[in-house]
PDB file of all heavy atoms in Angstrom:
ATOM      1  N   GLN A   1     -28.751-106.290 110.378  1.00  0.00           N
ATOM      2  CA  GLN A   1     -27.809-107.085 111.161  1.00  0.00           C
ATOM      3  C   GLN A   1     -28.512-108.011 112.143  1.00  0.00           C
ATOM      4  O   GLN A   1     -27.996-109.081 112.478  1.00  0.00           O
ATOM      5  CB  GLN A   1     -26.857-106.167 111.930  1.00  0.00           C
ATOM      6  CG  GLN A   1     -25.925-105.342 111.055  1.00  0.00           C
ATOM      7  CD  GLN A   1     -25.035-104.440 111.880  1.00  0.00           C
ATOM      8  OE1 GLN A   1     -24.421-104.872 112.855  1.00  0.00           O
ATOM      9  NE2 GLN A   1     -24.969-103.166 111.510  1.00  0.00           N
ATOM     10  N   LEU A   2     -29.706-107.606 112.599  1.00  0.00           N
ATOM     11  CA  LEU A   2     -30.442-108.420 113.564  1.00  0.00           C
ATOM     12  C   LEU A   2     -30.782-109.797 113.004  1.00  0.00           C
ATOM     13  O   LEU A   2     -31.042-110.734 113.766  1.00  0.00           O
ATOM     14  CB  LEU A   2     -31.729-107.706 113.991  1.00  0.00           C
ATOM     15  CG  LEU A   2     -31.557-106.459 114.868  1.00  0.00           C
ATOM     16  CD1 LEU A   2     -32.901-105.797 115.103  1.00  0.00           C
ATOM     17  CD2 LEU A   2     -30.903-106.832 116.195  1.00  0.00           C
ATOM     18  N   LEU A   3     -30.786-109.926 111.680  1.00  0.00           N
ATOM     19  CA  LEU A   3     -31.076-111.209 111.049  1.00  0.00           C
ATOM     20  C   LEU A   3     -30.106-112.287 111.522  1.00  0.00           C
ATOM     21  O   LEU A   3     -30.481-113.455 111.673  1.00  0.00           O
ATOM     22  CB  LEU A   3     -30.999-111.062 109.525  1.00  0.00           C
ATOM     23  CG  LEU A   3     -31.299-112.302 108.672  1.00  0.00           C
ATOM     24  CD1 LEU A   3     -32.752-112.721 108.862  1.00  0.00           C
ATOM     25  CD2 LEU A   3     -31.012-112.015 107.206  1.00  0.00           C
ATOM     26  N   SER A   4     -28.861-111.895 111.794  1.00  0.00           N
ATOM     27  CA  SER A   4     -27.842-112.863 112.179  1.00  0.00           C
ATOM     28  C   SER A   4     -27.324-112.656 113.599  1.00  0.00           C
ATOM     29  O   SER A   4     -27.108-113.620 114.333  1.00  0.00           O
ATOM     30  CB  SER A   4     -26.655-112.801 111.214  1.00  0.00           C
ATOM     31  OG  SER A   4     -25.629-113.681 111.616  1.00  0.00           O
ATOM     32  N   THR A   5     -27.126-111.409 113.994  1.00  0.00           N
ATOM     33  CA  THR A   5     -26.463-111.136 115.273  1.00  0.00           C
ATOM     34  C   THR A   5     -27.427-110.787 116.395  1.00  0.00           C
ATOM     35  O   THR A   5     -26.990-110.567 117.526  1.00  0.00           O
ATOM     36  CB  THR A   5     -25.455-109.987 115.108  1.00  0.00           C
ATOM     37  OG1 THR A   5     -26.148-108.817 114.636  1.00  0.00           O
ATOM     38  CG2 THR A   5     -24.375-110.350 114.112  1.00  0.00           C
ATOM     39  N   GLY A   6     -28.729-110.716 116.096  1.00  0.00           N
ATOM     40  CA  GLY A   6     -29.700-110.352 117.115  1.00  0.00           C
ATOM     41  C   GLY A   6     -30.046-111.521 118.035  1.00  0.00           C
ATOM     42  O   GLY A   6     -29.761-112.684 117.748  1.00  0.00           O
ATOM     43  N   PHE A   7     -30.676-111.191 119.157  1.00  0.00           N
ATOM     44  CA  PHE A   7     -31.102-112.186 120.137  1.00  0.00           C
ATOM     45  C   PHE A   7     -32.572-111.975 120.468  1.00  0.00           C
ATOM     46  O   PHE A   7     -33.069-110.849 120.470  1.00  0.00           O
ATOM     47  CB  PHE A   7     -30.264-112.087 121.423  1.00  0.00           C
ATOM     48  CG  PHE A   7     -28.841-112.535 121.248  1.00  0.00           C
ATOM     49  CD1 PHE A   7     -27.890-111.687 120.691  1.00  0.00           C
ATOM     50  CD2 PHE A   7     -28.446-113.812 121.623  1.00  0.00           C
ATOM     51  CE1 PHE A   7     -26.573-112.099 120.521  1.00  0.00           C
ATOM     52  CE2 PHE A   7     -27.144-114.228 121.451  1.00  0.00           C
ATOM     53  CZ  PHE A   7     -26.206-113.378 120.906  1.00  0.00           C
ATOM     54  N   ILE A   8     -33.263-113.073 120.764  1.00  0.00           N
ATOM     55  CA  ILE A   8     -34.681-113.005 121.098  1.00  0.00           C
ATOM     56  C   ILE A   8     -34.823-112.410 122.497  1.00  0.00           C
ATOM     57  O   ILE A   8     -34.180-112.879 123.443  1.00  0.00           O
ATOM     58  CB  ILE A   8     -35.316-114.407 121.048  1.00  0.00           C
ATOM     59  CG1 ILE A   8     -35.131-115.014 119.659  1.00  0.00           C
ATOM     60  CG2 ILE A   8     -36.794-114.340 121.414  1.00  0.00           C
ATOM     61  CD1 ILE A   8     -35.533-116.469 119.573  1.00  0.00           C
ATOM     62  N   PRO A   9     -35.639-111.371 122.660  1.00  0.00           N
ATOM     63  CA  PRO A   9     -35.806-110.763 123.995  1.00  0.00           C
ATOM     64  C   PRO A   9     -36.359-111.771 125.004  1.00  0.00           C
ATOM     65  O   PRO A   9     -37.141-112.661 124.652  1.00  0.00           O
ATOM     66  CB  PRO A   9     -36.814-109.629 123.740  1.00  0.00           C
ATOM     67  CG  PRO A   9     -36.777-109.386 122.271  1.00  0.00           C
ATOM     68  CD  PRO A   9     -36.440-110.698 121.630  1.00  0.00           C
ATOM     69  N   ASP A  10     -35.939-111.621 126.264  1.00  0.00           N
ATOM     70  CA  ASP A  10     -36.437-112.490 127.324  1.00  0.00           C
ATOM     71  C   ASP A  10     -37.841-112.033 127.715  1.00  0.00           C
ATOM     72  O   ASP A  10     -38.016-111.098 128.490  1.00  0.00           O
ATOM     73  CB  ASP A  10     -35.504-112.445 128.534  1.00  0.00           C
ATOM     74  CG  ASP A  10     -35.899-113.453 129.607  1.00  0.00           C
ATOM     75  OD1 ASP A  10     -36.873-114.188 129.375  1.00  0.00           O
ATOM     76  OD2 ASP A  10     -35.240-113.489 130.655  1.00  0.00           O
ATOM     77  N   LEU A  11     -38.844-112.703 127.153  1.00  0.00           N
ATOM     78  CA  LEU A  11     -40.226-112.312 127.388  1.00  0.00           C
ATOM     79  C   LEU A  11     -40.642-112.503 128.841  1.00  0.00           C
ATOM     80  O   LEU A  11     -41.634-111.919 129.284  1.00  0.00           O
ATOM     81  CB  LEU A  11     -41.156-113.120 126.476  1.00  0.00           C
ATOM     82  CG  LEU A  11     -40.875-113.002 124.967  1.00  0.00           C
ATOM     83  CD1 LEU A  11     -41.820-113.896 124.171  1.00  0.00           C
ATOM     84  CD2 LEU A  11     -40.997-111.554 124.514  1.00  0.00           C
ATOM     85  N   MET A  12     -39.895-113.311 129.587  1.00  0.00           N
ATOM     86  CA  MET A  12     -40.222-113.547 130.992  1.00  0.00           C
ATOM     87  C   MET A  12     -39.624-112.493 131.909  1.00  0.00           C
ATOM     88  O   MET A  12     -39.948-112.446 133.092  1.00  0.00           O
ATOM     89  CB  MET A  12     -39.746-114.945 131.412  1.00  0.00           C
ATOM     90  CG  MET A  12     -40.415-116.059 130.622  1.00  0.00           C
ATOM     91  SD  MET A  12     -39.889-117.687 131.173  1.00  0.00           S
ATOM     92  CE  MET A  12     -40.912-118.720 130.127  1.00  0.00           C
ATOM     93  N   GLY A  13     -38.718-111.692 131.355  1.00  0.00           N
ATOM     94  CA  GLY A  13     -38.158-110.591 132.131  1.00  0.00           C
ATOM     95  C   GLY A  13     -37.304-111.005 133.308  1.00  0.00           C
ATOM     96  O   GLY A  13     -37.171-110.273 134.282  1.00  0.00           O
ATOM     97  N   VAL A  14     -36.703-112.189 133.220  1.00  0.00           N
ATOM     98  CA  VAL A  14     -35.898-112.680 134.349  1.00  0.00           C
ATOM     99  C   VAL A  14     -34.526-112.021 134.364  1.00  0.00           C
ATOM    100  O   VAL A  14     -33.989-111.695 135.412  1.00  0.00           O
ATOM    101  CB  VAL A  14     -35.754-114.218 134.279  1.00  0.00           C
ATOM    102  CG1 VAL A  14     -34.842-114.730 135.388  1.00  0.00           C
ATOM    103  CG2 VAL A  14     -37.125-114.870 134.361  1.00  0.00           C
ATOM    104  N   GLY A  15     -33.963-111.805 133.182  1.00  0.00           N
ATOM    105  CA  GLY A  15     -32.607-111.256 133.099  1.00  0.00           C
ATOM    106  C   GLY A  15     -31.615-112.373 132.934  1.00  0.00           C
ATOM    107  O   GLY A  15     -31.610-113.054 131.927  1.00  0.00           O
ATOM    108  N   ARG A  16     -30.753-112.569 133.949  1.00  0.00           N
ATOM    109  CA  ARG A  16     -29.796-113.671 133.906  1.00  0.00           C
ATOM    110  C   ARG A  16     -30.007-114.579 135.106  1.00  0.00           C
ATOM    111  O   ARG A  16     -30.000-114.086 136.238  1.00  0.00           O
ATOM    112  CB  ARG A  16     -28.361-113.140 133.887  1.00  0.00           C
ATOM    113  CG  ARG A  16     -27.960-112.564 132.549  1.00  0.00           C
ATOM    114  CD  ARG A  16     -26.464-112.413 132.460  1.00  0.00           C
ATOM    115  NE  ARG A  16     -26.070-111.856 131.168  1.00  0.00           N
ATOM    116  CZ  ARG A  16     -24.806-111.688 130.802  1.00  0.00           C
ATOM    117  NH1 ARG A  16     -23.822-112.025 131.622  1.00  0.00           N
ATOM    118  NH2 ARG A  16     -24.517-111.174 129.628  1.00  0.00           N
ATOM    119  N   PRO A  17     -30.174-115.889 134.878  1.00  0.00           N
ATOM    120  CA  PRO A  17     -30.218-116.531 133.570  1.00  0.00           C
ATOM    121  C   PRO A  17     -31.470-116.168 132.773  1.00  0.00           C
ATOM    122  O   PRO A  17     -32.502-115.830 133.354  1.00  0.00           O
ATOM    123  CB  PRO A  17     -30.218-118.033 133.913  1.00  0.00           C
ATOM    124  CG  PRO A  17     -30.839-118.101 135.259  1.00  0.00           C
ATOM    125  CD  PRO A  17     -30.398-116.855 135.971  1.00  0.00           C
ATOM    126  N   ASN A  18     -31.350-116.264 131.444  1.00  0.00           N
ATOM    127  CA  ASN A  18     -32.439-115.900 130.547  1.00  0.00           C
ATOM    128  C   ASN A  18     -33.586-116.905 130.697  1.00  0.00           C
ATOM    129  O   ASN A  18     -33.447-118.084 130.395  1.00  0.00           O
ATOM    130  CB  ASN A  18     -31.916-115.895 129.103  1.00  0.00           C
ATOM    131  CG  ASN A  18     -32.927-115.366 128.111  1.00  0.00           C
ATOM    132  OD1 ASN A  18     -33.892-116.045 127.806  1.00  0.00           O
ATOM    133  ND2 ASN A  18     -32.692-114.161 127.604  1.00  0.00           N
ATOM    134  N   GLY A  19     -34.732-116.410 131.181  1.00  0.00           N
ATOM    135  CA  GLY A  19     -35.866-117.293 131.446  1.00  0.00           C
ATOM    136  C   GLY A  19     -36.415-117.949 130.205  1.00  0.00           C
ATOM    137  O   GLY A  19     -36.808-119.122 130.230  1.00  0.00           O
ATOM    138  N   LEU A  20     -36.434-117.214 129.080  1.00  0.00           N
ATOM    139  CA  LEU A  20     -36.971-117.770 127.841  1.00  0.00           C
ATOM    140  C   LEU A  20     -36.104-118.921 127.346  1.00  0.00           C
ATOM    141  O   LEU A  20     -36.625-119.936 126.867  1.00  0.00           O
ATOM    142  CB  LEU A  20     -37.059-116.677 126.779  1.00  0.00           C
ATOM    143  CG  LEU A  20     -37.622-117.109 125.420  1.00  0.00           C
ATOM    144  CD1 LEU A  20     -39.059-117.587 125.571  1.00  0.00           C
ATOM    145  CD2 LEU A  20     -37.542-115.967 124.415  1.00  0.00           C
ATOM    146  N   ALA A  21     -34.786-118.779 127.469  1.00  0.00           N
ATOM    147  CA  ALA A  21     -33.885-119.849 127.033  1.00  0.00           C
ATOM    148  C   ALA A  21     -34.100-121.111 127.864  1.00  0.00           C
ATOM    149  O   ALA A  21     -34.172-122.227 127.328  1.00  0.00           O
ATOM    150  CB  ALA A  21     -32.437-119.385 127.130  1.00  0.00           C
ATOM    151  N   LEU A  22     -34.222-120.956 129.178  1.00  0.00           N
ATOM    152  CA  LEU A  22     -34.443-122.113 130.050  1.00  0.00           C
ATOM    153  C   LEU A  22     -35.782-122.783 129.753  1.00  0.00           C
ATOM    154  O   LEU A  22     -35.865-124.011 129.659  1.00  0.00           O
ATOM    155  CB  LEU A  22     -34.383-121.670 131.519  1.00  0.00           C
ATOM    156  CG  LEU A  22     -33.029-121.136 132.015  1.00  0.00           C
ATOM    157  CD1 LEU A  22     -33.145-120.650 133.453  1.00  0.00           C
ATOM    158  CD2 LEU A  22     -31.953-122.212 131.903  1.00  0.00           C
ATOM    159  N   ALA A  23     -36.814-121.967 129.606  1.00  0.00           N
ATOM    160  CA  ALA A  23     -38.142-122.520 129.322  1.00  0.00           C
ATOM    161  C   ALA A  23     -38.161-123.221 127.968  1.00  0.00           C
ATOM    162  O   ALA A  23     -38.806-124.271 127.810  1.00  0.00           O
ATOM    163  CB  ALA A  23     -39.183-121.402 129.359  1.00  0.00           C
ATOM    164  N   SER A  24     -37.447-122.659 126.987  1.00  0.00           N
ATOM    165  CA  SER A  24     -37.396-123.272 125.659  1.00  0.00           C
ATOM    166  C   SER A  24     -36.721-124.642 125.713  1.00  0.00           C
ATOM    167  O   SER A  24     -37.152-125.587 125.035  1.00  0.00           O
ATOM    168  CB  SER A  24     -36.649-122.358 124.687  1.00  0.00           C
ATOM    169  OG  SER A  24     -37.312-121.123 124.549  1.00  0.00           O
ATOM    170  N   GLY A  25     -35.663-124.751 126.521  1.00  0.00           N
ATOM    171  CA  GLY A  25     -34.981-126.033 126.667  1.00  0.00           C
ATOM    172  C   GLY A  25     -35.886-127.099 127.261  1.00  0.00           C
ATOM    173  O   GLY A  25     -35.951-128.235 126.772  1.00  0.00           O
ATOM    174  N   VAL A  26     -36.598-126.739 128.327  1.00  0.00           N
ATOM    175  CA  VAL A  26     -37.512-127.683 128.971  1.00  0.00           C
ATOM    176  C   VAL A  26     -38.640-128.074 128.019  1.00  0.00           C
ATOM    177  O   VAL A  26     -39.014-129.255 127.914  1.00  0.00           O
ATOM    178  CB  VAL A  26     -38.085-127.070 130.271  1.00  0.00           C
ATOM    179  CG1 VAL A  26     -39.160-127.974 130.853  1.00  0.00           C
ATOM    180  CG2 VAL A  26     -36.969-126.846 131.283  1.00  0.00           C
ATOM    181  N   LEU A  27     -39.179-127.096 127.299  1.00  0.00           N
ATOM    182  CA  LEU A  27     -40.257-127.369 126.341  1.00  0.00           C
ATOM    183  C   LEU A  27     -39.778-128.288 125.218  1.00  0.00           C
ATOM    184  O   LEU A  27     -40.489-129.223 124.821  1.00  0.00           O
ATOM    185  CB  LEU A  27     -40.780-126.058 125.764  1.00  0.00           C
ATOM    186  CG  LEU A  27     -41.905-126.166 124.717  1.00  0.00           C
ATOM    187  CD1 LEU A  27     -43.139-126.807 125.343  1.00  0.00           C
ATOM    188  CD2 LEU A  27     -42.242-124.785 124.151  1.00  0.00           C
ATOM    189  N   ALA A  28     -38.563-128.038 124.713  1.00  0.00           N
ATOM    190  CA  ALA A  28     -38.017-128.875 123.635  1.00  0.00           C
ATOM    191  C   ALA A  28     -37.856-130.317 124.092  1.00  0.00           C
ATOM    192  O   ALA A  28     -38.198-131.257 123.362  1.00  0.00           O
ATOM    193  CB  ALA A  28     -36.676-128.308 123.168  1.00  0.00           C
ATOM    194  N   VAL A  29     -37.337-130.509 125.301  1.00  0.00           N
ATOM    195  CA  VAL A  29     -37.175-131.862 125.841  1.00  0.00           C
ATOM    196  C   VAL A  29     -38.537-132.549 125.982  1.00  0.00           C
ATOM    197  O   VAL A  29     -38.701-133.722 125.616  1.00  0.00           O
ATOM    198  CB  VAL A  29     -36.447-131.812 127.199  1.00  0.00           C
ATOM    199  CG1 VAL A  29     -36.511-133.171 127.892  1.00  0.00           C
ATOM    200  CG2 VAL A  29     -34.996-131.391 127.006  1.00  0.00           C
ATOM    201  N   GLY A  30     -39.522-131.818 126.499  1.00  0.00           N
ATOM    202  CA  GLY A  30     -40.859-132.383 126.640  1.00  0.00           C
ATOM    203  C   GLY A  30     -41.462-132.799 125.307  1.00  0.00           C
ATOM    204  O   GLY A  30     -42.058-133.880 125.199  1.00  0.00           O
ATOM    205  N   LEU A  31     -41.290-131.960 124.281  1.00  0.00           N
ATOM    206  CA  LEU A  31     -41.826-132.281 122.952  1.00  0.00           C
ATOM    207  C   LEU A  31     -41.149-133.509 122.353  1.00  0.00           C
ATOM    208  O   LEU A  31     -41.809-134.371 121.756  1.00  0.00           O
ATOM    209  CB  LEU A  31     -41.652-131.078 122.017  1.00  0.00           C
ATOM    210  CG  LEU A  31     -42.657-129.938 122.173  1.00  0.00           C
ATOM    211  CD1 LEU A  31     -42.249-128.753 121.318  1.00  0.00           C
ATOM    212  CD2 LEU A  31     -44.060-130.407 121.798  1.00  0.00           C
ATOM    213  N   ILE A  32     -39.823-133.589 122.503  1.00  0.00           N
ATOM    214  CA  ILE A  32     -39.090-134.733 121.958  1.00  0.00           C
ATOM    215  C   ILE A  32     -39.543-136.029 122.622  1.00  0.00           C
ATOM    216  O   ILE A  32     -39.769-137.049 121.952  1.00  0.00           O
ATOM    217  CB  ILE A  32     -37.568-134.521 122.132  1.00  0.00           C
ATOM    218  CG1 ILE A  32     -37.081-133.419 121.188  1.00  0.00           C
ATOM    219  CG2 ILE A  32     -36.803-135.818 121.869  1.00  0.00           C
ATOM    220  CD1 ILE A  32     -35.656-133.003 121.422  1.00  0.00           C
ATOM    221  N   LEU A  33     -39.704-136.010 123.948  1.00  0.00           N
ATOM    222  CA  LEU A  33     -40.166-137.206 124.658  1.00  0.00           C
ATOM    223  C   LEU A  33     -41.589-137.575 124.246  1.00  0.00           C
ATOM    224  O   LEU A  33     -41.912-138.753 124.046  1.00  0.00           O
ATOM    225  CB  LEU A  33     -40.091-136.971 126.166  1.00  0.00           C
ATOM    226  CG  LEU A  33     -38.682-136.922 126.765  1.00  0.00           C
ATOM    227  CD1 LEU A  33     -38.742-136.571 128.238  1.00  0.00           C
ATOM    228  CD2 LEU A  33     -37.965-138.256 126.565  1.00  0.00           C
ATOM    229  N   TRP A  34     -42.450-136.573 124.108  1.00  0.00           N
ATOM    230  CA  TRP A  34     -43.840-136.826 123.722  1.00  0.00           C
ATOM    231  C   TRP A  34     -43.917-137.435 122.322  1.00  0.00           C
ATOM    232  O   TRP A  34     -44.638-138.414 122.103  1.00  0.00           O
ATOM    233  CB  TRP A  34     -44.637-135.531 123.777  1.00  0.00           C
ATOM    234  CG  TRP A  34     -46.064-135.697 123.342  1.00  0.00           C
ATOM    235  CD1 TRP A  34     -47.075-136.282 124.038  1.00  0.00           C
ATOM    236  CD2 TRP A  34     -46.626-135.275 122.088  1.00  0.00           C
ATOM    237  NE1 TRP A  34     -48.244-136.249 123.307  1.00  0.00           N
ATOM    238  CE2 TRP A  34     -47.992-135.644 122.110  1.00  0.00           C
ATOM    239  CE3 TRP A  34     -46.116-134.619 120.971  1.00  0.00           C
ATOM    240  CZ2 TRP A  34     -48.843-135.378 121.040  1.00  0.00           C
ATOM    241  CZ3 TRP A  34     -46.966-134.362 119.904  1.00  0.00           C
ATOM    242  CH2 TRP A  34     -48.314-134.733 119.947  1.00  0.00           C
ATOM    243  N   ILE A  35     -43.144-136.871 121.392  1.00  0.00           N
ATOM    244  CA  ILE A  35     -43.135-137.402 120.026  1.00  0.00           C
ATOM    245  C   ILE A  35     -42.588-138.824 120.004  1.00  0.00           C
ATOM    246  O   ILE A  35     -43.104-139.710 119.306  1.00  0.00           O
ATOM    247  CB  ILE A  35     -42.309-136.477 119.100  1.00  0.00           C
ATOM    248  CG1 ILE A  35     -43.024-135.133 118.923  1.00  0.00           C
ATOM    249  CG2 ILE A  35     -42.074-137.133 117.745  1.00  0.00           C
ATOM    250  CD1 ILE A  35     -42.203-134.082 118.220  1.00  0.00           C
ATOM    251  N   GLY A  36     -41.517-139.063 120.787  1.00  0.00           N
ATOM    252  CA  GLY A  36     -40.940-140.401 120.842  1.00  0.00           C
ATOM    253  C   GLY A  36     -41.900-141.433 121.411  1.00  0.00           C
ATOM    254  O   GLY A  36     -42.052-142.537 120.868  1.00  0.00           O
ATOM    255  N   LEU A  37     -42.573-141.109 122.511  1.00  0.00           N
ATOM    256  CA  LEU A  37     -43.528-142.028 123.120  1.00  0.00           C
ATOM    257  C   LEU A  37     -44.731-142.257 122.215  1.00  0.00           C
ATOM    258  O   LEU A  37     -45.264-143.379 122.141  1.00  0.00           O
ATOM    259  CB  LEU A  37     -43.980-141.479 124.478  1.00  0.00           C
ATOM    260  CG  LEU A  37     -42.900-141.481 125.579  1.00  0.00           C
ATOM    261  CD1 LEU A  37     -43.390-140.713 126.802  1.00  0.00           C
ATOM    262  CD2 LEU A  37     -42.522-142.914 125.958  1.00  0.00           C
ATOM    263  N   ARG A  38     -45.148-141.206 121.532  1.00  0.00           N
ATOM    264  CA  ARG A  38     -46.271-141.338 120.596  1.00  0.00           C
ATOM    265  C   ARG A  38     -45.897-142.282 119.441  1.00  0.00           C
ATOM    266  O   ARG A  38     -46.703-143.106 119.008  1.00  0.00           O
ATOM    267  CB  ARG A  38     -46.632-139.948 120.059  1.00  0.00           C
ATOM    268  CG  ARG A  38     -47.916-139.891 119.265  1.00  0.00           C
ATOM    269  CD  ARG A  38     -48.357-138.450 119.132  1.00  0.00           C
ATOM    270  NE  ARG A  38     -49.472-138.334 118.198  1.00  0.00           N
ATOM    271  CZ  ARG A  38     -49.391-137.847 116.979  1.00  0.00           C
ATOM    272  NH1 ARG A  38     -48.229-137.405 116.530  1.00  0.00           N
ATOM    273  NH2 ARG A  38     -50.444-137.762 116.192  1.00  0.00           N
ATOM    274  N   GLY A  39     -44.652-142.136 118.955  1.00  0.00           N
ATOM    275  CA  GLY A  39     -44.199-143.023 117.898  1.00  0.00           C
ATOM    276  C   GLY A  39     -44.124-144.473 118.353  1.00  0.00           C
ATOM    277  O   GLY A  39     -44.474-145.394 117.607  1.00  0.00           O
ATOM    278  N   ARG A  40     -43.671-144.695 119.597  1.00  0.00           N
ATOM    279  CA  ARG A  40     -43.606-146.057 120.128  1.00  0.00           C
ATOM    280  C   ARG A  40     -44.997-146.667 120.252  1.00  0.00           C
ATOM    281  O   ARG A  40     -45.208-147.848 119.949  1.00  0.00           O
ATOM    282  CB  ARG A  40     -42.919-146.056 121.496  1.00  0.00           C
ATOM    283  CG  ARG A  40     -41.428-145.799 121.439  1.00  0.00           C
ATOM    284  CD  ARG A  40     -40.815-145.917 122.823  1.00  0.00           C
ATOM    285  NE  ARG A  40     -40.895-147.288 123.311  1.00  0.00           N
ATOM    286  CZ  ARG A  40     -40.034-148.257 123.004  1.00  0.00           C
ATOM    287  NH1 ARG A  40     -39.007-147.988 122.209  1.00  0.00           N
ATOM    288  NH2 ARG A  40     -40.177-149.468 123.496  1.00  0.00           N
ATOM    289  N   ALA A  41     -45.954-145.851 120.698  1.00  0.00           N
ATOM    290  CA  ALA A  41     -47.329-146.341 120.811  1.00  0.00           C
ATOM    291  C   ALA A  41     -47.893-146.711 119.443  1.00  0.00           C
ATOM    292  O   ALA A  41     -48.589-147.736 119.298  1.00  0.00           O
ATOM    293  CB  ALA A  41     -48.204-145.277 121.485  1.00  0.00           C
ATOM    294  N   ARG A  42     -47.578-145.910 118.424  1.00  0.00           N
ATOM    295  CA  ARG A  42     -48.050-146.215 117.071  1.00  0.00           C
ATOM    296  C   ARG A  42     -47.418-147.502 116.550  1.00  0.00           C
ATOM    297  O   ARG A  42     -48.093-148.342 115.945  1.00  0.00           O
ATOM    298  CB  ARG A  42     -47.727-145.040 116.140  1.00  0.00           C
ATOM    299  CG  ARG A  42     -48.259-145.233 114.717  1.00  0.00           C
ATOM    300  CD  ARG A  42     -47.990-144.023 113.845  1.00  0.00           C
ATOM    301  NE  ARG A  42     -46.574-143.742 113.706  1.00  0.00           N
ATOM    302  CZ  ARG A  42     -45.951-142.707 114.266  1.00  0.00           C
ATOM    303  NH1 ARG A  42     -46.625-141.836 114.997  1.00  0.00           N
ATOM    304  NH2 ARG A  42     -44.657-142.515 114.097  1.00  0.00           N
TER     305      ARG A  42
END
């Protein structure tokens, strides 16, 4: 069941709000901006 209904443990141990979720959001935004700027430079 964990294949579909499970959740990734909060490796940062923050609890609520989930630190891993927040960090993942910031990291995703940073990667998207970096890829976009790199593409513009190319």
